[in-house]
Amino acid sequence: ITIFNRKELAITYSTNEQARIRDILTAEDIIDTKGTVMRNMGARGPAIQQFGENITASTEYRIYVLKKDYDKASHLIHT
């Protein structure tokens, strides 16, 4: 998937929601998670947190699919 042929399907801060979406898309052969690298998309590194900060919301997961698969993927994750 490149920046030119992808479309953002979902953004979540929930590890469980990210895993649910990933499992659905993998089962339907929309995405292949082999070799997938998860990155911390937060403003600060994972080891740095401020007092009172909700660390469960410190990692943003952005899920992309091929543009041609977007409608099917969107339907699958919202049913």
N, C-alpha and C. Protein backbone atom coordinates (compact mmCIF):
# COMPACT_ATOMS: atom_id res chain seq x y z
N ILE A 1 0.85 -1.17 0.00
CA ILE A 1 0.00 0.00 0.00
C ILE A 1 0.90 1.23 0.00
N THR A 2 0.62 2.13 -0.91
CA THR A 2 1.37 3.38 -0.95
C THR A 2 0.42 4.55 -0.66
N ILE A 3 0.98 5.71 -0.50
CA ILE A 3 0.18 6.91 -0.23
C ILE A 3 -0.77 7.21 -1.39
N PHE A 4 -0.46 6.72 -2.58
CA PHE A 4 -1.26 7.03 -3.77
C PHE A 4 -2.44 6.08 -3.97
N ASN A 5 -2.37 4.89 -3.42
CA ASN A 5 -3.45 3.92 -3.67
C ASN A 5 -4.16 3.48 -2.40
N ARG A 6 -4.02 4.22 -1.33
CA ARG A 6 -4.63 3.83 -0.07
C ARG A 6 -5.69 4.85 0.37
N LYS A 7 -6.54 4.40 1.27
CA LYS A 7 -7.54 5.27 1.87
C LYS A 7 -7.63 4.92 3.35
N GLU A 8 -7.72 5.93 4.17
CA GLU A 8 -7.78 5.71 5.62
C GLU A 8 -9.15 5.15 5.99
N LEU A 9 -9.14 4.00 6.61
CA LEU A 9 -10.37 3.32 6.99
C LEU A 9 -10.80 3.68 8.41
N ALA A 10 -9.85 3.75 9.31
CA ALA A 10 -10.19 3.98 10.71
C ALA A 10 -9.02 4.57 11.47
N ILE A 11 -9.36 5.32 12.51
CA ILE A 11 -8.40 5.82 13.48
C ILE A 11 -8.95 5.45 14.85
N THR A 12 -8.12 4.86 15.68
CA THR A 12 -8.55 4.49 17.02
C THR A 12 -7.38 4.60 17.99
N TYR A 13 -7.70 4.78 19.24
CA TYR A 13 -6.70 4.74 20.31
C TYR A 13 -6.81 3.43 21.09
N SER A 14 -7.75 2.59 20.71
CA SER A 14 -8.01 1.35 21.42
C SER A 14 -7.26 0.18 20.78
N THR A 15 -6.46 -0.49 21.58
CA THR A 15 -5.77 -1.68 21.10
C THR A 15 -6.77 -2.76 20.71
N ASN A 16 -7.83 -2.90 21.51
CA ASN A 16 -8.84 -3.91 21.21
C ASN A 16 -9.57 -3.61 19.90
N GLU A 17 -9.93 -2.37 19.67
CA GLU A 17 -10.62 -2.00 18.43
C GLU A 17 -9.70 -2.18 17.23
N GLN A 18 -8.46 -1.81 17.37
CA GLN A 18 -7.48 -2.00 16.30
C GLN A 18 -7.35 -3.48 15.95
N ALA A 19 -7.29 -4.33 16.97
CA ALA A 19 -7.17 -5.77 16.75
C ALA A 19 -8.43 -6.34 16.11
N ARG A 20 -9.61 -5.85 16.52
CA ARG A 20 -10.87 -6.30 15.95
C ARG A 20 -10.93 -5.99 14.46
N ILE A 21 -10.59 -4.77 14.10
CA ILE A 21 -10.60 -4.36 12.69
C ILE A 21 -9.58 -5.16 11.90
N ARG A 22 -8.39 -5.28 12.44
CA ARG A 22 -7.33 -6.03 11.77
C ARG A 22 -7.73 -7.48 11.53
N ASP A 23 -8.36 -8.11 12.52
CA ASP A 23 -8.79 -9.50 12.39
C ASP A 23 -9.85 -9.66 11.30
N ILE A 24 -10.80 -8.75 11.26
CA ILE A 24 -11.85 -8.79 10.23
C ILE A 24 -11.24 -8.66 8.84
N LEU A 25 -10.37 -7.68 8.68
CA LEU A 25 -9.78 -7.42 7.37
C LEU A 25 -8.84 -8.54 6.93
N THR A 26 -8.15 -9.13 7.88
CA THR A 26 -7.26 -10.25 7.55
C THR A 26 -8.08 -11.47 7.12
N ALA A 27 -9.18 -11.74 7.82
CA ALA A 27 -10.02 -12.88 7.49
C ALA A 27 -10.62 -12.76 6.09
N GLU A 28 -10.85 -11.54 5.64
CA GLU A 28 -11.43 -11.29 4.32
C GLU A 28 -10.36 -11.06 3.25
N ASP A 29 -9.11 -11.27 3.59
CA ASP A 29 -7.98 -11.06 2.67
C ASP A 29 -7.91 -9.64 2.12
N ILE A 30 -8.32 -8.68 2.92
CA ILE A 30 -8.22 -7.28 2.52
C ILE A 30 -6.85 -6.73 2.91
N ILE A 31 -6.34 -7.16 4.04
CA ILE A 31 -4.99 -6.78 4.45
C ILE A 31 -4.21 -8.03 4.81
N ASP A 32 -2.91 -7.89 4.74
CA ASP A 32 -1.99 -8.96 5.14
C ASP A 32 -1.15 -8.39 6.26
N THR A 33 -1.23 -8.97 7.44
CA THR A 33 -0.51 -8.43 8.59
C THR A 33 0.88 -8.98 8.75
N LYS A 34 1.32 -9.86 7.85
CA LYS A 34 2.68 -10.38 7.94
C LYS A 34 3.66 -9.24 7.69
N GLY A 35 4.58 -9.06 8.61
CA GLY A 35 5.57 -8.00 8.45
C GLY A 35 5.05 -6.61 8.80
N THR A 36 3.84 -6.53 9.35
CA THR A 36 3.28 -5.23 9.72
C THR A 36 4.01 -4.70 10.95
N VAL A 37 4.33 -3.44 10.93
CA VAL A 37 5.01 -2.80 12.05
C VAL A 37 4.04 -1.82 12.70
N MET A 38 3.82 -1.96 13.97
CA MET A 38 2.98 -1.02 14.70
C MET A 38 3.86 0.11 15.19
N ARG A 39 3.40 1.32 14.98
CA ARG A 39 4.18 2.48 15.41
C ARG A 39 3.39 3.32 16.39
N ASN A 40 4.09 3.92 17.33
CA ASN A 40 3.46 4.85 18.25
C ASN A 40 3.31 6.17 17.50
N MET A 41 2.06 6.57 17.25
CA MET A 41 1.81 7.80 16.51
C MET A 41 1.54 8.98 17.42
N GLY A 42 1.76 8.80 18.73
CA GLY A 42 1.52 9.87 19.67
C GLY A 42 2.55 10.98 19.53
N ALA A 43 2.28 12.07 20.18
CA ALA A 43 3.18 13.22 20.09
C ALA A 43 4.50 12.97 20.82
N ARG A 44 4.45 12.16 21.87
CA ARG A 44 5.66 11.84 22.64
C ARG A 44 5.93 10.36 22.56
N GLY A 45 7.12 9.98 22.89
CA GLY A 45 7.46 8.56 22.91
C GLY A 45 6.68 7.83 23.97
N PRO A 46 6.60 6.50 23.87
CA PRO A 46 5.79 5.73 24.81
C PRO A 46 6.30 5.77 26.25
N ALA A 47 7.57 6.08 26.45
CA ALA A 47 8.13 6.07 27.80
C ALA A 47 7.88 7.39 28.54
N ILE A 48 7.44 8.41 27.84
CA ILE A 48 7.24 9.73 28.44
C ILE A 48 5.74 9.96 28.64
N GLN A 49 5.37 10.26 29.86
CA GLN A 49 3.97 10.59 30.10
C GLN A 49 3.90 11.67 31.17
N GLN A 50 2.81 12.40 31.14
CA GLN A 50 2.61 13.46 32.11
C GLN A 50 1.66 12.98 33.19
N PHE A 51 1.73 13.61 34.34
CA PHE A 51 0.86 13.25 35.44
C PHE A 51 -0.60 13.37 35.01
N GLY A 52 -1.37 12.33 35.27
CA GLY A 52 -2.79 12.33 34.95
C GLY A 52 -3.11 11.97 33.51
N GLU A 53 -2.11 11.70 32.72
CA GLU A 53 -2.34 11.37 31.32
C GLU A 53 -2.90 9.96 31.20
N ASN A 54 -3.86 9.79 30.33
CA ASN A 54 -4.44 8.48 30.07
C ASN A 54 -3.53 7.76 29.08
N ILE A 55 -2.72 6.81 29.58
CA ILE A 55 -1.75 6.16 28.70
C ILE A 55 -2.39 5.21 27.71
N THR A 56 -3.65 4.81 27.96
CA THR A 56 -4.33 3.96 26.98
C THR A 56 -4.69 4.76 25.72
N ALA A 57 -4.66 6.07 25.81
CA ALA A 57 -4.98 6.92 24.66
C ALA A 57 -3.72 7.57 24.09
N SER A 58 -2.56 7.04 24.41
CA SER A 58 -1.33 7.67 23.94
C SER A 58 -0.85 7.13 22.60
N THR A 59 -1.44 6.03 22.13
CA THR A 59 -1.05 5.46 20.85
C THR A 59 -2.22 5.54 19.89
N GLU A 60 -1.98 6.17 18.76
CA GLU A 60 -3.01 6.29 17.74
C GLU A 60 -2.77 5.24 16.67
N TYR A 61 -3.78 4.47 16.35
CA TYR A 61 -3.69 3.46 15.30
C TYR A 61 -4.46 3.96 14.09
N ARG A 62 -3.78 4.07 12.97
CA ARG A 62 -4.42 4.46 11.71
C ARG A 62 -4.41 3.23 10.81
N ILE A 63 -5.56 2.88 10.31
CA ILE A 63 -5.69 1.68 9.48
C ILE A 63 -6.04 2.12 8.07
N TYR A 64 -5.20 1.69 7.13
CA TYR A 64 -5.39 2.02 5.71
C TYR A 64 -5.69 0.75 4.92
N VAL A 65 -6.47 0.91 3.88
CA VAL A 65 -6.73 -0.17 2.94
C VAL A 65 -6.56 0.39 1.54
N LEU A 66 -6.46 -0.52 0.58
CA LEU A 66 -6.41 -0.09 -0.81
C LEU A 66 -7.73 0.61 -1.14
N LYS A 67 -7.65 1.63 -1.98
CA LYS A 67 -8.86 2.38 -2.35
C LYS A 67 -9.94 1.45 -2.91
N LYS A 68 -9.53 0.47 -3.69
CA LYS A 68 -10.50 -0.44 -4.31
C LYS A 68 -11.20 -1.32 -3.28
N ASP A 69 -10.62 -1.50 -2.10
CA ASP A 69 -11.20 -2.33 -1.04
C ASP A 69 -11.93 -1.53 0.02
N TYR A 70 -11.93 -0.22 -0.09
CA TYR A 70 -12.45 0.64 0.98
C TYR A 70 -13.93 0.37 1.29
N ASP A 71 -14.80 0.34 0.27
CA ASP A 71 -16.23 0.17 0.51
C ASP A 71 -16.52 -1.16 1.22
N LYS A 72 -15.90 -2.22 0.75
CA LYS A 72 -16.11 -3.54 1.37
C LYS A 72 -15.60 -3.53 2.80
N ALA A 73 -14.40 -2.99 3.01
CA ALA A 73 -13.81 -2.97 4.34
C ALA A 73 -14.65 -2.13 5.30
N SER A 74 -15.12 -1.00 4.84
CA SER A 74 -15.95 -0.13 5.68
C SER A 74 -17.23 -0.85 6.09
N HIS A 75 -17.85 -1.53 5.14
CA HIS A 75 -19.07 -2.28 5.45
C HIS A 75 -18.78 -3.38 6.48
N LEU A 76 -17.70 -4.10 6.31
CA LEU A 76 -17.37 -5.20 7.22
C LEU A 76 -17.13 -4.75 8.64
N ILE A 77 -16.43 -3.63 8.83
CA ILE A 77 -16.11 -3.22 10.20
C ILE A 77 -17.26 -2.51 10.90
N HIS A 78 -18.27 -2.09 10.13
CA HIS A 78 -19.41 -1.38 10.74
C HIS A 78 -20.65 -2.24 10.86
N THR A 79 -20.55 -3.54 10.58
CA THR A 79 -21.72 -4.41 10.74
C THR A 79 -21.60 -5.28 11.96
